[in-house]
Amino acid sequence: MTTPFDRYFTSIREKRIVVLGLGVSNRPLVRLLLSYGCTVTGCDKTPREKLDAEVLELEAQGCRLQVGENYLDDLSADLVFRTPGMHPNVPALEALRASGAQITSEMQVFFQLCPCTILAVTGSDGKTTTTTLISEMLKAEGKQVWLGGNIGTPLLSKVKEMKPEDYAVVELSSFQLMDMTRSPHRALITNLAPNHLDVHKDMQEYVDAKKNIFRFQCEDGILVVNGDNEITNAFVGNGVTRKFSRKGTAYVNLQDGYICRESQRILDTKDILIPGIHNVENYMAAIAMVDGLVADETIRSVAKTFGGVEHRIELVRVKDGVRFYNDSIASSPSRTIAGLRSFGEKVILIAGGYDKHIPYDVLGPEICTHVKKLFLCGATAPQIRAAVENCPMERPEITDCGKFEAAVLAAAGAAEAGDVVLMSPASASFDEFKNFMVRGDFFKKLIMEL
């Protein structure tokens, strides 16, 4: 019996297909297209001499490569798969549209072909932990779960293994959502704050992209939003809209130290293993999403055993009485603020990195309140310093170290027994590293070598 999956890839066999970007998400896609006999051109800005073995293997399998500085020049195609990090309106894509090419993405086709229930999460902060929590709760309930998307695992190539009774739990970035025309069965927006304004033309475009996660839901769809966030609180879905709030009344809220659903106690926050009030919010969001799918006892069991996600306030080492934490995921001020609020004592903070053109004013008072020594690096160091120095509060000692490694080593050298050293940059990693994971791994390497 021919499946919709087979029919789709058979139907595009005769088309000229271009895949823009040969990173993690698109390599399985290229292999999939080649397996169906498609003609594929893979485009990437990485010069040929720096291509890794996996990309060269795609070429050996029949993928034509167009790489290097001029990788977007003179393209012609019937069907184009856009990489998530490329703005849908860059001139090369506009030219392809004008010539009649259809623009899609690995995620768009996954939503089209996925046979099972999709639960998707987006937001400015907390989306990876919340996505993982939803997945862990469903798995603990005995469900077959497919976890992926922006969290690192491409899912389209797994569709043939999925069954209707399974669940796909997907993290979506604003870049993936920008041109999406399908929405999941259950959608969650953790919060929204200025982010990625180096790519989005303005905040409105960023918000509009996030709204695509529920824009195309049917009347039986469920939207979960943060009632404490001014932007998301105003969102209303096409079906059921559920809010979570730790500050007020909502479908899931916080009462006397318990997460409650419609006033029924579900989880004692003392049982949550991972630290920080932001993780209480992540649990509230996840509980609202799995309502009706997961038993309350299962939720409590997960809370007592789930140790968190790598690079998110991850305890790396305790050396000479100093605790070192890796919070490399914190690429925005709001994420670093959440990290700072997770500790009862003042910390030694390492911050700074690539400039995404977002404001840092809100970070000043939080650093003055929660930090005793601040070590800065990267392009955002002046903005973070200015935010602190413009704050009419007692300020921590500030040292600008220039490079990331120098900041880490200086912070470690300044720490004494009983101190917490927190690497939570409030900035992206692209000035020195490929991504936040590479930055976090390098931080851990440096700490383990102390």
Protein backbone atom coordinates (compact mmCIF):
# COMPACT_ATOMS: atom_id res chain seq x y z
CA MET A 1 0.00 0.00 0.00
CA THR A 2 1.38 3.40 -1.00
CA THR A 3 1.59 5.86 1.87
CA PRO A 4 1.17 9.67 1.69
CA PHE A 5 4.88 9.85 2.47
CA ASP A 6 5.80 7.75 -0.57
CA ARG A 7 3.32 9.61 -2.77
CA TYR A 8 4.83 12.98 -1.84
CA PHE A 9 8.42 12.05 -2.57
CA THR A 10 7.48 10.16 -5.73
CA SER A 11 5.55 13.21 -6.94
CA ILE A 12 8.59 15.48 -6.75
CA ARG A 13 11.01 13.05 -8.40
CA GLU A 14 11.00 14.93 -11.70
CA LYS A 15 11.40 18.38 -10.15
CA ARG A 16 14.62 20.35 -9.93
CA ILE A 17 15.18 20.51 -6.18
CA VAL A 18 17.45 22.91 -4.31
CA VAL A 19 18.27 22.45 -0.63
CA LEU A 20 19.56 25.65 0.94
CA GLY A 21 21.88 24.90 3.84
CA LEU A 22 23.63 21.60 4.50
CA GLY A 23 23.57 21.69 8.28
CA VAL A 24 22.17 19.13 10.71
CA SER A 25 18.50 19.46 9.75
CA ASN A 26 18.94 19.24 5.98
CA ARG A 27 21.44 16.40 5.60
CA PRO A 28 18.90 13.63 6.33
CA LEU A 29 16.55 15.47 3.95
CA VAL A 30 19.09 15.32 1.12
CA ARG A 31 19.65 11.61 1.73
CA LEU A 32 15.89 11.06 1.69
CA LEU A 33 15.46 12.95 -1.59
CA LEU A 34 18.30 11.02 -3.20
CA SER A 35 16.80 7.72 -2.05
CA TYR A 36 13.66 8.54 -4.07
CA GLY A 37 15.73 9.32 -7.17
CA CYS A 38 15.33 13.10 -6.95
CA THR A 39 17.69 15.56 -8.63
CA VAL A 40 19.16 17.63 -5.79
CA THR A 41 21.46 20.64 -5.61
CA GLY A 42 22.76 21.32 -2.11
CA CYS A 43 23.83 24.90 -1.39
CA ASP A 44 25.92 26.05 1.55
CA LYS A 45 28.12 29.06 2.28
CA THR A 46 30.89 26.84 3.68
CA PRO A 47 33.79 26.74 1.18
CA ARG A 48 34.61 23.37 -0.32
CA GLU A 49 37.91 23.03 1.54
CA LYS A 50 36.06 23.26 4.86
CA LEU A 51 33.24 20.83 4.08
CA ASP A 52 33.07 17.85 6.41
CA ALA A 53 33.03 14.22 5.34
CA GLU A 54 29.25 13.84 5.65
CA VAL A 55 28.59 16.59 3.10
CA LEU A 56 31.16 15.17 0.69
CA GLU A 57 29.45 11.79 1.06
CA LEU A 58 26.18 13.42 -0.07
CA GLU A 59 28.01 14.56 -3.19
CA ALA A 60 29.28 11.02 -3.77
CA GLN A 61 25.68 9.81 -3.52
CA GLY A 62 24.59 12.15 -6.31
CA CYS A 63 23.91 15.55 -4.74
CA ARG A 64 25.31 18.42 -6.79
CA LEU A 65 27.07 20.91 -4.51
CA GLN A 66 27.09 24.69 -4.90
CA VAL A 67 29.16 26.01 -2.01
CA GLY A 68 31.27 28.93 -0.90
CA GLU A 69 30.77 32.67 -1.00
CA ASN A 70 28.58 32.65 -4.12
CA TYR A 71 26.44 29.67 -3.13
CA LEU A 72 23.18 31.54 -3.85
CA ASP A 73 24.15 32.82 -7.30
CA ASP A 74 22.31 31.80 -10.48
CA LEU A 75 20.01 29.27 -8.86
CA SER A 76 17.09 27.77 -10.75
CA ALA A 77 14.65 25.28 -9.27
CA ASP A 78 11.09 23.99 -9.15
CA LEU A 79 11.17 23.23 -5.42
CA VAL A 80 13.36 24.83 -2.76
CA PHE A 81 13.90 23.64 0.82
CA ARG A 82 14.91 26.63 2.96
CA THR A 83 17.24 26.15 5.91
CA PRO A 84 15.71 27.51 9.17
CA GLY A 85 18.39 30.16 9.63
CA MET A 86 17.73 31.84 6.28
CA HIS A 87 15.19 34.67 6.18
CA PRO A 88 12.35 33.76 3.76
CA ASN A 89 12.67 37.13 2.02
CA VAL A 90 16.36 37.19 1.17
CA PRO A 91 16.89 38.29 -2.47
CA ALA A 92 17.88 34.81 -3.67
CA LEU A 93 14.60 33.32 -2.41
CA GLU A 94 12.58 36.23 -3.80
CA ALA A 95 14.18 35.62 -7.19
CA LEU A 96 13.38 31.90 -7.04
CA ARG A 97 9.75 32.67 -6.15
CA ALA A 98 9.50 35.11 -9.04
CA SER A 99 10.73 32.39 -11.39
CA GLY A 100 7.94 30.07 -10.24
CA ALA A 101 9.79 27.97 -7.65
CA GLN A 102 7.87 26.65 -4.65
CA ILE A 103 9.60 27.45 -1.32
CA THR A 104 9.17 24.99 1.52
CA SER A 105 11.18 23.50 4.40
CA GLU A 106 11.91 20.20 6.10
CA MET A 107 9.58 21.17 8.95
CA GLN A 108 6.74 22.29 6.68
CA VAL A 109 6.77 18.95 4.84
CA PHE A 110 7.01 17.09 8.16
CA PHE A 111 3.81 18.78 9.36
CA GLN A 112 2.17 17.87 6.07
CA LEU A 113 3.08 14.17 6.23
CA CYS A 114 3.26 13.34 9.97
CA PRO A 115 0.62 10.68 10.75
CA CYS A 116 0.48 11.23 14.53
CA THR A 117 -0.54 13.94 16.99
CA ILE A 118 1.90 16.86 17.04
CA LEU A 119 2.61 18.91 20.16
CA ALA A 120 4.81 21.91 19.41
CA VAL A 121 6.55 24.48 21.59
CA THR A 122 8.02 27.89 20.84
CA GLY A 123 8.94 31.00 22.82
CA SER A 124 11.87 33.25 23.64
CA ASP A 125 13.01 31.29 26.69
CA GLY A 126 12.42 27.88 28.19
CA LYS A 127 11.28 26.10 25.06
CA THR A 128 13.88 23.32 25.03
CA THR A 129 13.39 22.38 28.68
CA THR A 130 9.61 22.54 28.30
CA THR A 131 9.65 20.51 25.08
CA THR A 132 11.82 17.90 26.80
CA LEU A 133 9.52 17.84 29.85
CA ILE A 134 6.47 17.19 27.66
CA SER A 135 8.35 14.38 25.94
CA GLU A 136 9.48 12.86 29.26
CA MET A 137 5.95 12.98 30.69
CA LEU A 138 4.45 11.28 27.63
CA LYS A 139 7.19 8.62 27.59
CA ALA A 140 6.72 7.96 31.31
CA GLU A 141 3.04 7.43 30.56
CA GLY A 142 4.02 4.69 28.11
CA LYS A 143 3.55 6.61 24.87
CA GLN A 144 5.79 6.31 21.81
CA VAL A 145 7.32 9.77 21.45
CA TRP A 146 9.31 11.38 18.63
CA LEU A 147 11.24 14.38 19.95
CA GLY A 148 12.86 16.81 17.54
CA GLY A 149 12.75 19.99 15.48
CA ASN A 150 14.85 22.90 16.69
CA ILE A 151 15.93 20.73 19.62
CA GLY A 152 18.37 19.05 17.24
CA THR A 153 16.78 15.97 15.67
CA PRO A 154 15.26 16.27 12.16
CA LEU A 155 11.98 14.35 12.07
CA LEU A 156 10.94 14.17 8.41
CA SER A 157 13.12 11.14 7.70
CA LYS A 158 11.46 9.34 10.65
CA VAL A 159 7.87 9.75 9.39
CA LYS A 160 7.69 6.25 7.85
CA GLU A 161 8.33 4.75 11.30
CA MET A 162 5.59 6.78 13.02
CA LYS A 163 2.18 5.36 13.86
CA PRO A 164 -1.11 7.27 14.27
CA GLU A 165 -1.16 6.55 18.02
CA ASP A 166 2.33 8.04 18.54
CA TYR A 167 3.16 11.60 19.57
CA ALA A 168 5.59 14.00 17.91
CA VAL A 169 6.91 16.63 20.33
CA VAL A 170 8.56 19.44 18.40
CA GLU A 171 10.47 22.57 19.36
CA LEU A 172 10.07 25.35 16.79
CA SER A 173 12.16 28.49 16.36
CA SER A 174 10.85 31.76 14.96
CA PHE A 175 12.92 31.06 11.83
CA GLN A 176 11.21 27.72 11.28
CA LEU A 177 7.80 29.28 11.88
CA MET A 178 8.15 32.34 9.62
CA ASP A 179 6.66 30.74 6.52
CA MET A 180 4.80 27.82 8.09
CA THR A 181 1.25 27.30 6.83
CA ARG A 182 0.36 24.44 9.16
CA SER A 183 0.01 24.35 12.95
CA PRO A 184 0.24 21.49 15.47
CA HIS A 185 -2.69 19.88 17.28
CA ARG A 186 -1.43 21.36 20.55
CA ALA A 187 0.68 24.53 20.57
CA LEU A 188 2.57 26.22 23.40
CA ILE A 189 4.21 29.64 23.56
CA THR A 190 6.31 29.84 26.73
CA ASN A 191 6.86 33.63 26.61
CA LEU A 192 7.95 36.35 24.20
CA ALA A 193 10.63 39.02 24.63
CA PRO A 194 12.94 40.81 22.15
CA ASN A 195 15.17 38.21 20.50
CA HIS A 196 16.88 37.48 17.16
CA LEU A 197 16.46 41.06 15.99
CA ASP A 198 19.70 40.64 14.05
CA VAL A 199 17.69 38.44 11.65
CA HIS A 200 14.09 39.64 12.00
CA LYS A 201 13.49 43.12 10.61
CA ASP A 202 11.65 44.17 13.79
CA MET A 203 9.89 42.86 16.88
CA GLN A 204 6.56 42.64 15.07
CA GLU A 205 7.95 40.25 12.50
CA TYR A 206 9.34 38.11 15.33
CA VAL A 207 5.95 38.02 17.11
CA ASP A 208 4.09 37.30 13.87
CA ALA A 209 6.40 34.35 13.20
CA LYS A 210 5.69 32.91 16.63
CA LYS A 211 1.94 33.25 16.09
CA ASN A 212 2.13 30.83 13.16
CA ILE A 213 2.36 28.03 15.72
CA PHE A 214 -1.38 28.41 16.30
CA ARG A 215 -2.59 30.53 13.36
CA PHE A 216 -3.62 27.47 11.30
CA GLN A 217 -5.09 25.31 14.07
CA CYS A 218 -8.56 23.83 13.65
CA GLU A 219 -11.40 24.29 16.13
CA ASP A 220 -10.28 21.18 18.04
CA GLY A 221 -6.79 22.61 18.52
CA ILE A 222 -5.35 23.59 21.91
CA LEU A 223 -3.21 26.68 22.50
CA VAL A 224 -1.28 27.12 25.76
CA VAL A 225 0.13 30.56 26.56
CA ASN A 226 1.88 32.34 29.40
CA GLY A 227 -0.66 34.55 31.18
CA ASP A 228 2.12 36.49 32.91
CA ASN A 229 3.67 37.64 29.63
CA GLU A 230 2.08 40.78 28.21
CA ILE A 231 2.43 39.65 24.59
CA THR A 232 1.34 36.01 24.89
CA ASN A 233 -1.50 36.81 27.30
CA ALA A 234 -3.28 38.55 24.41
CA PHE A 235 -3.18 35.51 22.12
CA VAL A 236 -6.39 33.56 21.46
CA GLY A 237 -6.43 30.33 19.47
CA ASN A 238 -9.00 29.00 17.02
CA GLY A 239 -9.97 26.27 19.47
CA VAL A 240 -9.30 26.03 23.22
CA THR A 241 -6.89 28.54 24.78
CA ARG A 242 -5.34 27.62 28.13
CA LYS A 243 -3.19 29.96 30.20
CA PHE A 244 -0.64 29.24 32.88
CA SER A 245 0.38 31.81 35.48
CA ARG A 246 2.43 31.86 38.66
CA LYS A 247 1.16 35.33 39.53
CA GLY A 248 -2.61 35.12 39.06
CA THR A 249 -5.63 33.02 38.22
CA ALA A 250 -5.29 30.72 35.23
CA TYR A 251 -6.05 27.19 33.99
CA VAL A 252 -2.72 26.15 35.54
CA ASN A 253 -1.42 28.39 38.31
CA LEU A 254 0.63 28.50 41.50
CA GLN A 255 -1.06 28.32 44.90
CA ASP A 256 0.82 28.03 48.22
CA GLY A 257 3.82 26.34 46.64
CA TYR A 258 1.77 23.91 44.53
CA ILE A 259 1.19 23.87 40.79
CA CYS A 260 -2.58 23.58 40.45
CA ARG A 261 -4.81 22.77 37.49
CA GLU A 262 -8.27 24.28 37.87
CA SER A 263 -7.57 24.61 41.63
CA GLN A 264 -6.58 20.93 41.96
CA ARG A 265 -3.08 20.40 43.37
CA ILE A 266 -0.93 18.59 40.84
CA LEU A 267 2.69 19.11 41.90
CA ASP A 268 4.52 20.40 44.98
CA THR A 269 7.23 22.72 43.62
CA LYS A 270 9.63 21.35 46.26
CA ASP A 271 9.59 18.08 44.32
CA ILE A 272 10.99 19.69 41.17
CA LEU A 273 14.60 18.57 40.87
CA ILE A 274 15.85 21.30 38.54
CA PRO A 275 16.39 24.74 40.18
CA GLY A 276 14.78 28.10 39.51
CA ILE A 277 11.34 29.70 39.37
CA HIS A 278 11.57 29.67 35.57
CA ASN A 279 11.58 25.88 35.74
CA VAL A 280 8.41 26.02 37.84
CA GLU A 281 6.93 27.95 34.92
CA ASN A 282 8.25 25.33 32.49
CA TYR A 283 6.46 22.63 34.49
CA MET A 284 3.26 24.67 34.54
CA ALA A 285 3.39 25.01 30.75
CA ALA A 286 4.09 21.30 30.26
CA ILE A 287 1.26 20.31 32.63
CA ALA A 288 -1.17 22.43 30.64
CA MET A 289 0.01 20.78 27.41
CA VAL A 290 -0.28 17.14 28.54
CA ASP A 291 -3.64 17.57 30.27
CA GLY A 292 -5.76 14.54 29.41
CA LEU A 293 -2.76 12.61 28.05
CA VAL A 294 -0.68 12.03 31.20
CA ALA A 295 -1.72 11.03 34.74
CA ASP A 296 -0.91 13.40 37.59
CA GLU A 297 1.14 10.73 39.34
CA THR A 298 3.29 10.40 36.21
CA ILE A 299 3.92 14.15 36.26
CA ARG A 300 5.04 13.95 39.90
CA SER A 301 7.34 11.04 39.12
CA VAL A 302 9.03 12.95 36.28
CA ALA A 303 9.54 16.02 38.50
CA LYS A 304 11.43 13.96 41.07
CA THR A 305 13.76 12.36 38.54
CA PHE A 306 14.26 14.78 35.62
CA GLY A 307 17.72 16.35 35.98
CA GLY A 308 17.46 19.00 33.28
CA VAL A 309 18.85 19.58 29.81
CA GLU A 310 22.51 20.08 28.97
CA HIS A 311 23.72 23.71 28.85
CA ARG A 312 20.80 24.93 30.98
CA ILE A 313 22.09 25.80 34.48
CA GLU A 314 24.08 22.56 34.28
CA LEU A 315 26.32 21.85 37.25
CA VAL A 316 29.70 21.12 35.66
CA ARG A 317 31.99 20.69 38.64
CA VAL A 318 32.56 21.45 42.29
CA LYS A 319 36.23 22.30 42.83
CA ASP A 320 37.71 23.59 46.08
CA GLY A 321 34.23 24.45 47.28
CA VAL A 322 33.34 26.45 44.13
CA ARG A 323 30.32 25.39 42.06
CA PHE A 324 30.62 25.97 38.30
CA TYR A 325 27.41 26.15 36.22
CA ASN A 326 27.03 26.07 32.43
CA ASP A 327 24.05 28.12 31.20
CA SER A 328 25.26 28.59 27.62
CA ILE A 329 21.69 28.42 26.30
CA ALA A 330 21.14 31.90 27.78
CA SER A 331 21.51 33.94 24.60
CA SER A 332 19.19 36.76 25.74
CA PRO A 333 18.90 38.98 28.83
CA SER A 334 15.62 37.39 29.92
CA ARG A 335 17.22 33.94 29.95
CA THR A 336 20.18 35.15 32.01
CA ILE A 337 17.82 36.89 34.43
CA ALA A 338 16.05 33.57 34.98
CA GLY A 339 19.41 31.92 35.64
CA LEU A 340 20.49 34.56 38.14
CA ARG A 341 17.22 34.24 40.03
CA SER A 342 17.82 30.50 40.45
CA PHE A 343 20.47 31.06 43.13
CA GLY A 344 19.96 32.25 46.69
CA GLU A 345 23.41 33.83 46.90
CA LYS A 346 25.20 36.41 44.76
CA VAL A 347 27.18 34.76 41.97
CA ILE A 348 30.26 35.38 39.86
CA LEU A 349 28.86 35.91 36.37
CA ILE A 350 30.49 35.39 32.97
CA ALA A 351 28.53 37.23 30.28
CA GLY A 352 28.79 38.70 26.79
CA GLY A 353 29.13 37.47 23.23
CA TYR A 354 27.64 38.02 19.78
CA ASP A 355 25.37 41.04 19.35
CA LYS A 356 21.78 40.21 18.26
CA HIS A 357 20.81 43.90 18.47
CA ILE A 358 18.50 43.49 21.45
CA PRO A 359 18.26 45.83 24.47
CA TYR A 360 20.19 45.08 27.65
CA ASP A 361 18.71 47.72 29.98
CA VAL A 362 16.66 45.15 31.95
CA LEU A 363 19.82 43.22 32.80
CA GLY A 364 21.39 46.04 34.83
CA PRO A 365 19.23 45.87 37.99
CA GLU A 366 19.32 42.06 37.97
CA ILE A 367 23.11 41.97 37.82
CA CYS A 368 23.35 44.55 40.61
CA THR A 369 21.00 42.43 42.73
CA HIS A 370 22.39 38.96 42.05
CA VAL A 371 26.05 39.34 41.01
CA LYS A 372 29.12 40.17 43.12
CA LYS A 373 31.73 39.97 40.34
CA LEU A 374 31.07 40.34 36.61
CA PHE A 375 33.46 39.14 33.89
CA LEU A 376 32.61 40.31 30.38
CA CYS A 377 33.63 39.28 26.88
CA GLY A 378 32.50 39.69 23.28
CA ALA A 379 30.70 42.41 21.33
CA THR A 380 27.93 42.88 23.89
CA ALA A 381 30.32 43.65 26.76
CA PRO A 382 29.88 47.44 26.40
CA GLN A 383 26.06 47.18 26.41
CA ILE A 384 26.04 44.95 29.49
CA ARG A 385 28.53 47.22 31.28
CA ALA A 386 26.42 50.28 30.40
CA ALA A 387 23.26 48.57 31.69
CA VAL A 388 24.98 47.94 35.02
CA GLU A 389 26.63 51.34 35.31
CA ASN A 390 23.38 53.14 34.49
CA CYS A 391 21.63 51.35 37.34
CA PRO A 392 21.30 53.45 40.55
CA MET A 393 22.23 50.51 42.79
CA GLU A 394 25.36 49.09 44.33
CA ARG A 395 27.32 47.60 41.45
CA PRO A 396 29.47 44.50 41.27
CA GLU A 397 33.13 44.62 40.35
CA ILE A 398 33.34 44.55 36.52
CA THR A 399 36.23 43.12 34.47
CA ASP A 400 36.23 43.20 30.66
CA CYS A 401 38.31 40.26 29.44
CA GLY A 402 37.84 40.54 25.68
CA LYS A 403 37.70 36.86 24.78
CA PHE A 404 35.51 34.09 26.23
CA GLU A 405 38.35 31.86 27.46
CA ALA A 406 40.02 34.77 29.26
CA ALA A 407 36.73 35.62 30.99
CA VAL A 408 36.22 32.02 32.15
CA LEU A 409 39.73 31.68 33.53
CA ALA A 410 39.57 35.08 35.23
CA ALA A 411 36.24 34.24 36.87
CA ALA A 412 37.56 30.88 38.06
CA GLY A 413 40.65 32.58 39.45
CA ALA A 414 38.55 35.08 41.39
CA ALA A 415 36.32 32.42 42.99
CA GLU A 416 36.67 31.24 46.57
CA ALA A 417 35.18 28.33 48.50
CA GLY A 418 31.40 28.72 48.71
CA ASP A 419 31.14 30.76 45.49
CA VAL A 420 28.97 30.04 42.45
CA VAL A 421 30.49 30.74 39.03
CA LEU A 422 27.75 31.02 36.43
CA MET A 423 28.41 31.23 32.70
CA SER A 424 25.17 32.76 31.44
CA PRO A 425 26.12 35.07 28.56
CA ALA A 426 22.83 36.90 27.75
CA SER A 427 24.22 36.85 24.21
CA ALA A 428 24.51 34.52 21.25
CA SER A 429 27.70 32.55 20.68
CA PHE A 430 28.46 33.27 17.03
CA ASP A 431 31.34 35.68 17.65
CA GLU A 432 33.61 32.80 18.73
CA PHE A 433 31.60 29.58 18.43
CA LYS A 434 29.40 27.74 15.94
CA ASN A 435 26.52 27.58 18.43
CA PHE A 436 25.70 27.68 22.14
CA MET A 437 26.41 23.95 22.50
CA VAL A 438 29.99 24.33 21.31
CA ARG A 439 30.39 27.29 23.68
CA GLY A 440 29.01 25.25 26.57
CA ASP A 441 31.24 22.29 25.77
CA PHE A 442 34.30 24.55 25.65
CA PHE A 443 33.33 26.06 29.00
CA LYS A 444 33.05 22.60 30.52
CA LYS A 445 36.43 21.63 29.06
CA LEU A 446 38.06 24.69 30.59
CA ILE A 447 36.48 24.03 33.98
CA MET A 448 37.45 20.37 34.01
CA GLU A 449 41.05 21.33 33.20
CA LEU A 450 41.34 23.71 36.20
